[in-house]
Protein backbone atom coordinates (compact mmCIF):
# COMPACT_ATOMS: atom_id res chain seq x y z
CA UNK A 1 10.77 -12.48 16.98
CA UNK A 2 10.75 -15.74 18.93
CA UNK A 3 8.10 -18.41 18.33
CA UNK A 4 6.39 -20.23 21.19
CA UNK A 5 5.59 -23.68 19.83
CA UNK A 6 3.27 -24.64 22.68
CA UNK A 7 -0.38 -25.18 21.94
CA UNK A 8 -2.92 -27.77 20.83
CA UNK A 9 -2.59 -29.64 17.57
CA UNK A 10 -5.01 -29.41 14.69
CA UNK A 11 -5.53 -28.12 11.19
CA UNK A 12 -6.09 -24.41 10.65
CA UNK A 13 -9.55 -23.05 11.23
CA UNK A 14 -10.99 -19.56 11.08
CA UNK A 15 -11.43 -17.62 14.32
CA UNK A 16 -12.55 -14.42 15.41
CA UNK A 17 19.08 0.94 2.86
CA UNK A 18 16.49 -1.29 2.04
CA UNK A 19 16.61 -4.98 1.34
CA UNK A 20 13.29 -5.24 -0.44
CA UNK A 21 11.29 -8.44 -0.15
CA UNK A 22 8.05 -6.66 -1.04
CA UNK A 23 8.51 -7.01 -4.77
CA UNK A 24 4.93 -6.76 -6.03
CA UNK A 25 3.98 -3.53 -7.80
CA UNK A 26 1.11 -1.52 -6.40
CA UNK A 27 -2.22 -3.10 -7.38
CA UNK A 28 -4.77 -0.55 -8.54
CA UNK A 29 -7.95 -2.40 -9.45
CA UNK A 30 -10.25 0.60 -9.66
CA UNK A 31 -12.78 0.11 -12.40
CA UNK A 32 -12.56 -3.67 -12.67
CA UNK A 33 -16.02 -5.09 -13.18
CA UNK A 34 -17.68 -6.07 -9.91
CA UNK A 35 -14.66 -5.20 -7.76
CA UNK A 36 -14.35 -2.31 -5.29
CA UNK A 37 -11.88 0.33 -6.50
CA UNK A 38 -8.72 0.67 -4.48
CA UNK A 39 -5.20 2.03 -4.63
CA UNK A 40 -2.24 0.30 -3.04
CA UNK A 41 1.18 1.17 -1.70
CA UNK A 42 3.88 -1.34 -0.69
CA UNK A 43 7.07 -0.38 1.17
CA UNK A 44 9.77 -2.20 3.11
CA UNK A 45 13.10 -1.42 4.77
CA UNK A 46 15.72 -3.57 6.47
CA UNK A 47 15.91 -1.08 9.35
CA UNK A 48 18.95 0.10 11.28
CA UNK A 49 19.90 -3.10 13.13
CA UNK A 50 19.23 -6.18 11.00
CA UNK A 51 21.69 -7.29 8.33
CA UNK A 52 19.01 -8.56 5.96
CA UNK A 53 15.26 -8.32 5.43
CA UNK A 54 13.14 -11.30 6.51
CA UNK A 55 9.82 -9.60 5.71
CA UNK A 56 7.86 -10.17 2.50
CA UNK A 57 4.71 -8.73 0.94
CA UNK A 58 2.47 -9.20 -2.09
CA UNK A 59 -0.38 -7.08 -3.42
CA UNK A 60 -2.32 -8.18 -6.47
CA UNK A 61 -5.74 -9.17 -7.73
CA UNK A 62 -7.70 -8.31 -4.59
CA UNK A 63 -5.30 -10.18 -2.29
CA UNK A 64 -2.85 -8.30 -0.03
CA UNK A 65 -0.46 -10.01 2.38
CA UNK A 66 2.50 -9.30 4.69
CA UNK A 67 4.71 -11.89 6.40
CA UNK A 68 7.50 -11.53 8.96
CA UNK A 69 9.95 -14.44 8.87
CA UNK A 70 12.15 -15.83 11.60
CA UNK A 71 15.01 -18.32 11.69
CA UNK A 72 18.75 -18.24 11.14
CA UNK A 73 20.84 -18.81 8.01
CA UNK A 74 18.52 -16.57 5.94
CA UNK A 75 15.70 -19.05 6.54
CA UNK A 76 13.30 -16.41 7.85
CA UNK A 77 13.17 -14.69 4.50
CA UNK A 78 12.56 -18.06 2.83
CA UNK A 79 9.59 -18.78 5.09
CA UNK A 80 8.03 -15.35 4.62
CA UNK A 81 8.43 -15.52 0.84
CA UNK A 82 6.83 -18.99 0.73
CA UNK A 83 3.89 -17.67 2.76
CA UNK A 84 3.14 -14.59 0.68
CA UNK A 85 3.62 -16.43 -2.61
CA UNK A 86 1.21 -19.17 -1.53
CA UNK A 87 -1.49 -16.72 -0.46
CA UNK A 88 -1.01 -14.61 -3.59
CA UNK A 89 -1.98 -17.64 -5.71
CA UNK A 90 -5.56 -16.74 -4.77
CA UNK A 91 -5.32 -13.37 -6.56
CA UNK A 92 -7.95 -12.66 -9.18
CA UNK A 93 -10.37 -15.41 -8.16
CA UNK A 94 -13.89 -13.95 -8.56
CA UNK A 95 -15.57 -16.27 -6.05
CA UNK A 96 -12.90 -16.46 -3.37
CA UNK A 97 -14.28 -17.67 -0.03
CA UNK A 98 -13.10 -17.51 3.56
CA UNK A 99 -12.57 -21.27 3.49
CA UNK A 100 -10.28 -20.80 0.47
CA UNK A 101 -8.19 -18.31 2.43
CA UNK A 102 -7.89 -20.55 5.46
CA UNK A 103 -7.00 -23.56 3.31
CA UNK A 104 -4.30 -21.58 1.48
CA UNK A 105 -2.70 -20.44 4.72
CA UNK A 106 -2.62 -24.11 5.68
CA UNK A 107 -0.99 -24.87 2.32
CA UNK A 108 1.64 -22.20 3.02
CA UNK A 109 2.40 -23.93 6.31
CA UNK A 110 2.82 -27.27 4.56
CA UNK A 111 5.17 -25.76 1.97
CA UNK A 112 7.35 -24.28 4.69
CA UNK A 113 7.56 -27.67 6.39
CA UNK A 114 8.41 -29.31 3.06
CA UNK A 115 11.20 -26.77 2.53
CA UNK A 116 12.66 -27.63 5.94
CA UNK A 117 12.49 -31.34 5.13
CA UNK A 118 14.42 -30.73 1.90
CA UNK A 119 16.90 -28.32 3.50
CA UNK A 120 17.63 -29.32 7.14
CA UNK A 121 19.72 -26.18 7.66
CA UNK A 122 16.43 -24.27 7.58
CA UNK A 123 15.12 -26.14 10.63
CA UNK A 124 13.23 -23.80 12.94
CA UNK A 125 12.27 -21.27 10.32
CA UNK A 126 8.78 -19.84 10.49
CA UNK A 127 6.76 -16.75 9.73
CA UNK A 128 3.80 -14.68 10.76
CA UNK A 129 1.23 -13.69 8.16
CA UNK A 130 -1.54 -11.14 7.91
CA UNK A 131 -3.65 -10.26 4.94
CA UNK A 132 -6.70 -8.72 3.35
CA UNK A 133 -8.81 -10.11 0.52
CA UNK A 134 -12.10 -9.56 -1.27
CA UNK A 135 -14.31 -12.60 -0.60
CA UNK A 136 -17.81 -13.62 -1.56
CA UNK A 137 -20.18 -14.71 1.17
CA UNK A 138 -23.86 -15.60 1.18
CA UNK A 139 -24.85 -11.94 1.17
CA UNK A 140 -22.33 -10.61 -1.36
CA UNK A 141 -18.77 -9.40 -1.40
CA UNK A 142 -16.90 -8.18 1.64
CA UNK A 143 -13.37 -7.76 2.99
CA UNK A 144 -11.75 -10.63 4.88
CA UNK A 145 -8.85 -9.88 7.22
CA UNK A 146 -6.76 -12.81 8.44
CA UNK A 147 -3.69 -13.36 10.59
CA UNK A 148 -1.37 -15.82 12.26
CA UNK A 149 1.16 -14.29 14.64
CA UNK A 150 1.72 -10.64 15.54
CA UNK A 151 1.80 -8.97 12.15
CA UNK A 152 -1.19 -6.65 12.11
CA UNK A 153 -3.97 -5.28 9.95
CA UNK A 154 -5.48 -1.92 10.89
CA UNK A 155 -8.54 -0.17 9.49
CA UNK A 156 -8.82 3.62 9.27
CA UNK A 157 -12.39 4.90 8.86
CA UNK A 158 -14.31 7.98 10.00
CA UNK A 159 -11.04 9.54 11.16
CA UNK A 160 -10.24 6.71 13.58
CA UNK A 161 -7.66 3.92 13.42
CA UNK A 162 -8.58 0.51 14.85
CA UNK A 163 -6.61 -2.71 15.00
CA UNK A 164 -8.65 -5.46 13.33
CA UNK A 165 -6.37 -8.41 14.08
CA UNK A 166 -5.50 -9.72 17.53
CA UNK A 167 -1.82 -10.47 18.15
CA UNK A 168 -0.90 -14.08 18.83
CA UNK A 169 1.79 -13.20 21.33
CA UNK A 170 2.85 -13.68 24.92
CA UNK A 171 2.26 -10.04 25.82
CA UNK A 172 -1.22 -10.05 24.25
CA UNK A 173 -2.14 -12.96 26.50
CA UNK A 174 -0.87 -10.96 29.49
CA UNK A 175 -2.95 -7.97 28.40
CA UNK A 176 -6.04 -10.13 27.91
CA UNK A 177 -5.55 -11.54 31.41
CA UNK A 178 -5.29 -8.05 32.91
CA UNK A 179 -1.74 -8.66 34.14
CA UNK A 180 -0.24 -5.78 32.16
CA UNK A 181 -1.63 -2.80 30.25
CA UNK A 182 -1.31 -2.29 26.49
CA UNK A 183 1.23 0.47 27.18
CA UNK A 184 3.30 -1.86 29.36
CA UNK A 185 3.14 -4.48 26.60
CA UNK A 186 5.04 -2.15 24.26
CA UNK A 187 8.15 -2.41 26.44
CA UNK A 188 7.71 -5.85 28.00
CA UNK A 189 10.82 -8.08 27.65
CA UNK A 190 8.65 -10.85 26.16
CA UNK A 191 7.02 -8.68 23.50
CA UNK A 192 8.76 -10.57 20.67
CA UNK A 193 7.50 -14.01 21.70
CA UNK A 194 4.76 -15.15 19.34
CA UNK A 195 2.40 -17.98 20.23
CA UNK A 196 1.20 -18.86 16.74
CA UNK A 197 3.29 -19.01 13.54
CA UNK A 198 3.50 -20.81 10.22
CA UNK A 199 6.22 -23.45 10.06
CA UNK A 200 5.04 -25.74 12.84
CA UNK A 201 3.55 -29.23 12.28
CA UNK A 202 0.51 -28.43 14.41
CA UNK A 203 -0.74 -25.14 12.96
CA UNK A 204 -3.22 -23.55 15.30
CA UNK A 205 -6.26 -21.68 14.03
CA UNK A 206 -6.21 -18.84 11.49
CA UNK A 207 -8.16 -15.82 12.71
CA UNK A 208 -10.48 -14.34 10.08
CA UNK A 209 -12.60 -11.20 10.39
CA UNK A 210 -15.19 -9.91 7.92
CA UNK A 211 -15.90 -6.26 7.19
CA UNK A 212 -18.37 -4.63 4.79
CA UNK A 213 -16.68 -2.80 1.89
CA UNK A 214 -17.59 0.72 2.95
CA UNK A 215 -16.36 3.62 0.78
CA UNK A 216 -13.37 5.50 2.15
CA UNK A 217 -11.74 2.80 4.26
CA UNK A 218 -7.96 2.57 4.49
CA UNK A 219 -6.30 -0.68 5.54
CA UNK A 220 -2.73 -0.86 6.83
CA UNK A 221 -1.04 -4.28 6.87
CA UNK A 222 2.31 -4.37 8.64
CA UNK A 223 5.04 -6.37 10.27
CA UNK A 224 5.81 -5.61 13.89
CA UNK A 225 8.69 -3.44 12.75
CA UNK A 226 6.03 -0.75 12.29
CA UNK A 227 3.80 -1.41 15.31
CA UNK A 228 6.76 -1.75 17.70
CA UNK A 229 8.16 1.63 16.65
CA UNK A 230 5.02 3.74 16.15
CA UNK A 231 1.99 3.93 18.41
CA UNK A 232 -1.50 3.56 16.99
CA UNK A 233 -1.98 7.29 17.54
CA UNK A 234 1.12 8.05 15.48
CA UNK A 235 -0.05 5.79 12.64
CA UNK A 236 -3.47 7.45 12.76
CA UNK A 237 -1.81 10.87 12.63
CA UNK A 238 0.16 9.98 9.50
CA UNK A 239 -3.00 8.76 7.78
CA UNK A 240 -4.88 11.89 8.81
CA UNK A 241 -2.09 14.15 7.56
CA UNK A 242 -2.17 12.31 4.21
CA UNK A 243 -5.82 13.13 3.62
CA UNK A 244 -7.75 10.79 5.88
CA UNK A 245 -10.03 8.31 4.15
CA UNK A 246 -9.51 10.08 0.80
CA UNK A 247 -5.83 9.24 0.33
CA UNK A 248 -4.18 11.01 -2.57
CA UNK A 249 -1.26 8.58 -2.79
CA UNK A 250 -1.30 5.20 -1.01
CA UNK A 251 2.33 4.57 -2.02
CA UNK A 252 3.43 7.84 -0.45
CA UNK A 253 1.68 6.86 2.79
CA UNK A 254 3.33 3.42 2.83
CA UNK A 255 6.71 5.06 2.25
CA UNK A 256 6.09 7.59 5.03
CA UNK A 257 5.03 4.94 7.55
CA UNK A 258 8.18 2.94 6.89
CA UNK A 259 10.37 6.04 6.97
CA UNK A 260 8.94 7.14 10.31
CA UNK A 261 9.38 3.65 11.81
CA UNK A 262 13.04 3.56 10.78
CA UNK A 263 13.52 7.09 12.06
CA UNK A 264 11.97 6.07 15.40
CA UNK A 265 14.55 3.33 15.88
CA UNK A 266 14.38 0.83 13.04
CA UNK A 267 15.19 -2.05 15.37
CA UNK A 268 13.57 -4.58 13.06
CA UNK A 269 12.64 -4.95 9.41
CA UNK A 270 9.63 -2.78 8.54
CA UNK A 271 7.07 -3.70 5.89
CA UNK A 272 3.76 -1.99 5.12
CA UNK A 273 0.95 -2.48 2.61
CA UNK A 274 -1.61 0.35 2.43
CA UNK A 275 -4.94 -0.34 0.71
CA UNK A 276 -7.14 2.73 0.20
CA UNK A 277 -10.64 1.84 -0.95
CA UNK A 278 -13.12 3.86 -2.98
CA UNK A 279 -16.76 2.92 -3.48
CA UNK A 280 -18.27 -0.45 -2.64
CA UNK A 281 -19.03 -2.99 -5.40
CA UNK A 282 -22.62 -3.31 -6.57
CA UNK A 283 -22.95 -6.75 -4.96
CA UNK A 284 -21.40 -5.79 -1.62
CA UNK A 285 -22.86 -7.05 1.64
CA UNK A 286 -25.32 -4.57 3.12
CA UNK A 287 -23.80 -3.96 6.57
CA UNK A 288 -25.75 -4.21 9.81
CA UNK A 289 -22.65 -2.73 11.44
CA UNK A 290 -19.24 -1.48 10.34
CA UNK A 291 -17.57 -3.47 13.14
CA UNK A 292 -15.46 -6.50 12.15
CA UNK A 293 -17.10 -9.84 12.85
CA UNK A 294 -15.71 -13.35 13.11
CA UNK A 295 -15.95 -15.42 9.95
CA UNK A 296 -18.35 -18.36 10.47
CA UNK A 297 -16.28 -21.20 9.04
CA UNK A 298 -14.83 -24.51 10.09
CA UNK A 299 -11.59 -26.41 9.64
CA UNK A 300 -9.64 -26.30 6.42
């Protein structure tokens, strides 16, 4: 993955053989007072080409996050670990807000920059980040999905898989402009160029999307080692085969997604967090629509 450091300055704001770095155990918070029940699976693999794993993941206390690091001299894995550890500090907070999430992603960026200042050999390191968290808004609790870069969060509901996040990448800009198709983007020579990452002094905005906590949703958070190897249809097929919205074993699904991505080529590290939800909490937002919506928030 290659970062593109171009872009306006500003603080973050919300807008619409394994080498395991995903060390957190599966977080199963079913039955916790006021929280939606869920089951979680976390899996990672170095892949068939890379010599070490620069991905990282955490899953605990209603906060789930994946990061895909970049930079030589093992610095990529440092950046991704800093990012997921910073975001995971929000775990277990009963009144977590979207602004809290955005501010903590900004804090992760500052910590990466501080690490570079202390260790000049890490110059140029950076990381993507995507995550999912239970937040409280004016109307009650809901899911917040956030991202910087091209790591993705998908939602599987009613038998259909949909990408919630929008990639911050060169090829996504070409697709948005109508220059290439999504299928052409999968094989474009610039598909690894990201336009927004953590680890740059001028962090551009953090995209945040809000979704009502409907029963039977499955979220898949992943590095591009999954999405570059498997199509959305293939990911949807694996989820369907595993039981659809009523997953028997989220860990088994995470393991299978990673296994299939490595089998398909494994040209990059692959990391997946699967969050399978049960019923909605009693104080959940009553949805007008199941479609994701932009979080109405300002600068961190």
